[in-house]
Amino acid sequence: MKKDIATTIGLILSMFFVGLGMVGFPPDMAKVAAFADGPSILIVFGGTLASVFVNFTMDDIKRIPSVIGQAFQMIDQDPVDIIKLLVEFAEKARREGLLSLEEDVEKVSNAFIKKGVQLVIDGTDPALVRDILTAEMEQVDARHKGGIKIMNCFSTFGPAFGMIGTLVGLILMLGNLSDPSSLGPAMAVALITTMYGAMLSNMITIPMERNLEVKNNMEILIYTISIQGLLSIQAGDNPRIVEERLKAYLSPAARKAMAAKTADTDED
């Protein structure tokens, strides 16, 4: 799969602008020390990770690196290309019969469509084809939503532990009111944990959560289009009807892009 450059750029820019706000412009690196505190890091990041462990099974925990990695990967399938492929299959099946698609199965890079085409060629009952492919789509959706829930857990508990750390700092500060000169620095340290929690949530985990939701929705859309297209091919529908039925799943912008691609192909 291709790298999702937008995700990387977004994370780098958010860290850059927040970091620039911390050190000022021109940068004064001496200010960095004011935002570093070991106990605050332990409370926020350690506490958040511990809560994630409580909320999920060990198998789910092992998936965290993979879930994070998915946020940096692009979906390598385009709904427009999927529709064009299915329309081509519909034209060939209507002209030469369903068995003629057998020679095209191995050329299909999309494993889901390849499986569906093979089921159609094998003469599987249409209701069973729908059930098998829908079950696989739902399993993929459930797996992706499990990863999204993990990111949501980080987003929820990060700020909460930031507040816990701030309360701990305030308690320690109020227990030492005999030294007024220490109140300012102690208050600053107490607030650092809130900052860490907010940064973890708003700079990293919430954006990743939204990123994964968008990609999951796109992948489920591709699966839905594929199922409808394969069933239409199996039913022997007119290729133009197949195309119009599948285009109904696209946004107006995507339909225009598809029309442009079709026009370019016709010119060639």
Protein backbone atom coordinates (compact mmCIF):
# COMPACT_ATOMS: atom_id res chain seq x y z
CA MET A 1 0.00 0.00 0.00
CA LYS A 2 1.11 3.55 -0.65
CA LYS A 3 2.12 5.88 2.15
CA ASP A 4 -0.46 8.46 3.23
CA ILE A 5 1.67 11.60 3.02
CA ALA A 6 -1.13 13.83 4.34
CA THR A 7 -1.13 12.05 7.72
CA THR A 8 2.62 12.44 8.10
CA ILE A 9 2.54 16.09 7.05
CA GLY A 10 -0.33 16.83 9.44
CA LEU A 11 1.45 15.32 12.44
CA ILE A 12 4.70 17.09 11.64
CA LEU A 13 2.96 20.45 11.17
CA SER A 14 0.99 20.15 14.42
CA MET A 15 4.17 19.37 16.37
CA PHE A 16 6.03 22.14 14.58
CA PHE A 17 3.49 24.87 15.30
CA VAL A 18 2.95 23.83 18.92
CA GLY A 19 6.70 23.55 19.42
CA LEU A 20 7.23 26.96 17.85
CA GLY A 21 4.63 28.40 20.21
CA MET A 22 6.53 26.93 23.14
CA VAL A 23 10.01 28.20 22.28
CA GLY A 24 8.90 31.45 20.62
CA PHE A 25 10.16 33.11 17.47
CA PRO A 26 13.07 33.48 17.13
CA PRO A 27 13.39 30.17 19.02
CA ASP A 28 14.67 30.23 22.59
CA MET A 29 15.61 26.62 23.27
CA ALA A 30 16.13 27.38 26.95
CA LYS A 31 12.33 27.42 27.27
CA VAL A 32 12.11 23.74 26.37
CA ALA A 33 13.09 22.70 29.90
CA ALA A 34 10.00 24.47 31.28
CA PHE A 35 7.78 22.01 29.41
CA ALA A 36 9.63 18.84 30.44
CA ASP A 37 8.65 16.94 33.57
CA GLY A 38 9.34 13.25 34.15
CA PRO A 39 6.54 12.48 36.66
CA SER A 40 3.99 14.18 34.39
CA ILE A 41 5.07 12.00 31.47
CA LEU A 42 4.72 8.87 33.62
CA ILE A 43 1.25 9.85 34.85
CA VAL A 44 -0.17 10.76 31.43
CA PHE A 45 1.44 8.27 29.08
CA GLY A 46 1.87 5.43 31.58
CA GLY A 47 -1.61 5.85 33.04
CA THR A 48 -3.25 6.09 29.62
CA LEU A 49 -1.48 2.98 28.36
CA ALA A 50 -2.44 1.10 31.53
CA SER A 51 -6.11 2.01 31.03
CA VAL A 52 -5.95 0.79 27.44
CA PHE A 53 -4.61 -2.53 28.74
CA VAL A 54 -7.59 -2.79 31.10
CA ASN A 55 -10.10 -2.06 28.32
CA PHE A 56 -8.84 -4.57 25.75
CA THR A 57 -7.54 -8.10 25.46
CA MET A 58 -3.87 -8.89 24.93
CA ASP A 59 -4.59 -9.79 21.31
CA ASP A 60 -6.05 -6.30 20.82
CA ILE A 61 -3.03 -4.71 22.50
CA LYS A 62 -0.69 -6.52 20.11
CA ARG A 63 -2.58 -4.89 17.22
CA ILE A 64 -1.77 -1.32 18.35
CA PRO A 65 1.37 -0.95 16.15
CA SER A 66 -0.60 -2.29 13.17
CA VAL A 67 -3.53 0.06 13.87
CA ILE A 68 -1.19 3.05 14.06
CA GLY A 69 0.51 1.93 10.86
CA GLN A 70 -2.83 1.85 9.02
CA ALA A 71 -3.23 5.58 9.65
CA PHE A 72 -0.10 6.14 7.55
CA GLN A 73 -1.23 3.93 4.66
CA MET A 74 -3.50 4.87 1.76
CA ILE A 75 -6.28 2.63 0.48
CA ASP A 76 -4.89 1.19 -2.74
CA GLN A 77 -8.31 0.87 -4.38
CA ASP A 78 -10.39 3.61 -6.01
CA PRO A 79 -14.20 3.20 -6.20
CA VAL A 80 -14.16 4.64 -9.73
CA ASP A 81 -11.63 2.04 -10.89
CA ILE A 82 -13.63 -0.72 -9.19
CA ILE A 83 -16.79 0.34 -11.03
CA LYS A 84 -14.97 0.45 -14.37
CA LEU A 85 -13.59 -3.05 -13.77
CA LEU A 86 -17.01 -4.44 -12.85
CA VAL A 87 -18.64 -2.82 -15.89
CA GLU A 88 -15.97 -4.42 -18.10
CA PHE A 89 -16.73 -7.78 -16.52
CA ALA A 90 -20.47 -7.19 -17.06
CA GLU A 91 -19.88 -6.46 -20.75
CA LYS A 92 -17.75 -9.56 -21.22
CA ALA A 93 -20.12 -11.82 -19.26
CA ARG A 94 -23.12 -10.59 -21.24
CA ARG A 95 -21.28 -11.08 -24.52
CA GLU A 96 -19.43 -14.36 -23.86
CA GLY A 97 -21.05 -15.82 -20.73
CA LEU A 98 -20.02 -15.94 -17.07
CA LEU A 99 -17.44 -18.68 -17.64
CA SER A 100 -15.47 -16.29 -19.87
CA LEU A 101 -14.49 -14.36 -16.72
CA GLU A 102 -12.41 -17.30 -15.53
CA GLU A 103 -9.42 -16.15 -17.57
CA ASP A 104 -9.61 -12.71 -15.91
CA VAL A 105 -9.78 -13.90 -12.28
CA GLU A 106 -6.03 -14.22 -11.77
CA LYS A 107 -5.46 -10.75 -13.19
CA VAL A 108 -7.62 -9.12 -10.50
CA SER A 109 -5.51 -7.57 -7.72
CA ASN A 110 -8.47 -7.03 -5.38
CA ALA A 111 -8.78 -10.25 -3.35
CA PHE A 112 -12.40 -9.52 -2.44
CA ILE A 113 -13.50 -9.12 -6.07
CA LYS A 114 -11.42 -12.12 -7.10
CA LYS A 115 -13.22 -14.25 -4.53
CA GLY A 116 -16.60 -12.90 -5.64
CA VAL A 117 -15.93 -13.51 -9.33
CA GLN A 118 -14.85 -17.07 -8.57
CA LEU A 119 -18.08 -17.68 -6.63
CA VAL A 120 -20.10 -16.34 -9.56
CA ILE A 121 -18.19 -18.49 -12.07
CA ASP A 122 -18.73 -21.58 -9.90
CA GLY A 123 -22.48 -21.07 -10.17
CA THR A 124 -23.01 -20.32 -6.48
CA ASP A 125 -26.56 -19.31 -5.58
CA PRO A 126 -26.87 -15.48 -5.63
CA ALA A 127 -28.23 -15.38 -2.08
CA LEU A 128 -25.25 -17.40 -0.88
CA VAL A 129 -22.83 -15.16 -2.78
CA ARG A 130 -24.35 -12.14 -1.04
CA ASP A 131 -24.18 -13.84 2.37
CA ILE A 132 -20.54 -14.90 1.99
CA LEU A 133 -19.31 -11.54 0.72
CA THR A 134 -21.41 -9.55 3.20
CA ALA A 135 -20.08 -11.64 6.10
CA GLU A 136 -16.51 -10.94 4.98
CA MET A 137 -17.27 -7.22 4.65
CA GLU A 138 -18.80 -7.12 8.13
CA GLN A 139 -15.78 -8.92 9.59
CA VAL A 140 -13.44 -6.35 8.04
CA ASP A 141 -15.65 -3.54 9.34
CA ALA A 142 -15.64 -5.02 12.85
CA ARG A 143 -11.86 -5.42 12.82
CA HIS A 144 -11.33 -1.84 11.68
CA LYS A 145 -13.78 -0.49 14.25
CA GLY A 146 -11.86 -2.40 16.92
CA GLY A 147 -8.75 -0.42 15.98
CA ILE A 148 -10.75 2.81 16.00
CA LYS A 149 -11.98 1.99 19.52
CA ILE A 150 -8.38 1.58 20.68
CA MET A 151 -7.52 5.06 19.39
CA ASN A 152 -10.70 6.41 20.99
CA CYS A 153 -9.57 4.92 24.30
CA PHE A 154 -6.27 6.81 24.09
CA SER A 155 -8.20 9.98 23.21
CA THR A 156 -10.51 9.55 26.20
CA PHE A 157 -8.02 8.65 28.90
CA GLY A 158 -5.15 10.97 27.85
CA PRO A 159 -6.84 14.20 29.00
CA ALA A 160 -8.29 12.40 32.05
CA PHE A 161 -4.85 11.39 33.29
CA GLY A 162 -3.63 14.88 32.46
CA MET A 163 -6.21 16.21 34.90
CA ILE A 164 -5.26 13.58 37.48
CA GLY A 165 -1.64 14.69 37.23
CA THR A 166 -2.66 18.32 37.64
CA LEU A 167 -4.67 17.46 40.77
CA VAL A 168 -1.69 15.58 42.18
CA GLY A 169 0.51 18.61 41.50
CA LEU A 170 -1.99 20.98 43.12
CA ILE A 171 -2.23 18.80 46.22
CA LEU A 172 1.54 18.78 46.58
CA MET A 173 1.65 22.53 45.97
CA LEU A 174 -1.03 23.31 48.55
CA GLY A 175 0.81 21.17 51.06
CA ASN A 176 3.78 23.51 50.80
CA LEU A 177 2.16 26.94 51.20
CA SER A 178 4.76 27.90 53.77
CA ASP A 179 7.11 28.80 50.91
CA PRO A 180 5.31 31.37 48.69
CA SER A 181 8.25 31.55 46.27
CA SER A 182 7.70 27.95 45.23
CA LEU A 183 4.02 28.38 44.33
CA GLY A 184 4.63 29.69 40.80
CA PRO A 185 6.99 26.91 39.67
CA ALA A 186 4.86 24.27 41.41
CA MET A 187 1.72 25.50 39.66
CA ALA A 188 3.51 25.40 36.31
CA VAL A 189 4.56 21.80 36.87
CA ALA A 190 1.02 20.89 37.94
CA LEU A 191 -0.39 22.24 34.67
CA ILE A 192 2.14 20.41 32.50
CA THR A 193 0.25 17.12 32.87
CA THR A 194 -2.93 18.73 31.51
CA MET A 195 -0.91 19.96 28.54
CA TYR A 196 0.54 16.49 27.92
CA GLY A 197 -2.92 14.92 28.01
CA ALA A 198 -4.34 17.52 25.63
CA MET A 199 -1.41 17.13 23.24
CA LEU A 200 -1.64 13.33 23.21
CA SER A 201 -5.35 13.47 22.47
CA ASN A 202 -5.68 16.42 20.08
CA MET A 203 -2.40 16.15 18.19
CA ILE A 204 -2.14 12.39 17.80
CA THR A 205 -4.93 10.03 18.80
CA ILE A 206 -8.09 11.96 17.80
CA PRO A 207 -6.70 12.78 14.32
CA MET A 208 -5.67 9.13 13.89
CA GLU A 209 -9.10 7.98 15.04
CA ARG A 210 -10.82 10.20 12.46
CA ASN A 211 -8.31 9.10 9.83
CA LEU A 212 -9.09 5.43 10.44
CA GLU A 213 -12.85 6.11 10.35
CA VAL A 214 -12.58 7.79 6.94
CA LYS A 215 -10.50 4.95 5.54
CA ASN A 216 -12.82 2.31 6.94
CA ASN A 217 -15.85 4.04 5.41
CA MET A 218 -14.09 4.15 2.05
CA GLU A 219 -13.14 0.47 2.21
CA ILE A 220 -16.69 -0.56 3.16
CA LEU A 221 -17.99 1.54 0.26
CA ILE A 222 -15.68 -0.37 -2.09
CA TYR A 223 -16.90 -3.70 -0.69
CA THR A 224 -20.54 -2.62 -1.06
CA ILE A 225 -20.00 -1.54 -4.67
CA SER A 226 -18.21 -4.81 -5.38
CA ILE A 227 -21.04 -6.94 -3.93
CA GLN A 228 -23.72 -5.08 -5.87
CA GLY A 229 -21.70 -5.21 -9.07
CA LEU A 230 -20.98 -8.93 -8.82
CA LEU A 231 -24.63 -9.76 -8.13
CA SER A 232 -25.69 -7.65 -11.12
CA ILE A 233 -23.18 -9.47 -13.33
CA GLN A 234 -24.47 -12.82 -12.09
CA ALA A 235 -28.05 -11.72 -12.83
CA GLY A 236 -27.05 -10.83 -16.40
CA ASP A 237 -27.99 -7.16 -16.09
CA ASN A 238 -27.25 -4.76 -18.93
CA PRO A 239 -23.75 -3.25 -18.44
CA ARG A 240 -25.17 0.28 -18.66
CA ILE A 241 -27.64 -0.54 -15.89
CA VAL A 242 -24.79 -1.99 -13.84
CA GLU A 243 -22.78 1.19 -14.30
CA GLU A 244 -25.64 3.50 -13.33
CA ARG A 245 -26.51 1.37 -10.31
CA LEU A 246 -22.93 1.45 -9.02
CA LYS A 247 -22.42 5.15 -9.79
CA ALA A 248 -25.28 5.88 -7.38
CA TYR A 249 -22.84 5.10 -4.54
CA LEU A 250 -20.43 7.84 -5.66
CA SER A 251 -20.38 11.49 -4.68
CA PRO A 252 -21.07 14.07 -7.43
CA ALA A 253 -17.35 14.88 -7.57
CA ALA A 254 -16.45 11.20 -7.97
CA ARG A 255 -19.03 10.84 -10.74
CA LYS A 256 -17.47 13.75 -12.60
CA ALA A 257 -14.04 12.18 -12.18
CA MET A 258 -15.38 8.91 -13.55
CA ALA A 259 -16.95 10.69 -16.53
CA ALA A 260 -13.62 12.43 -17.22
CA LYS A 261 -11.72 9.12 -17.06
CA THR A 262 -14.23 7.50 -19.40
CA ALA A 263 -13.92 10.39 -21.85
CA ASP A 264 -10.12 10.14 -21.80
CA THR A 265 -10.34 6.39 -22.43
CA ASP A 266 -12.73 6.88 -25.35
CA GLU A 267 -10.38 9.46 -26.90
CA ASP A 268 -7.47 7.05 -26.63
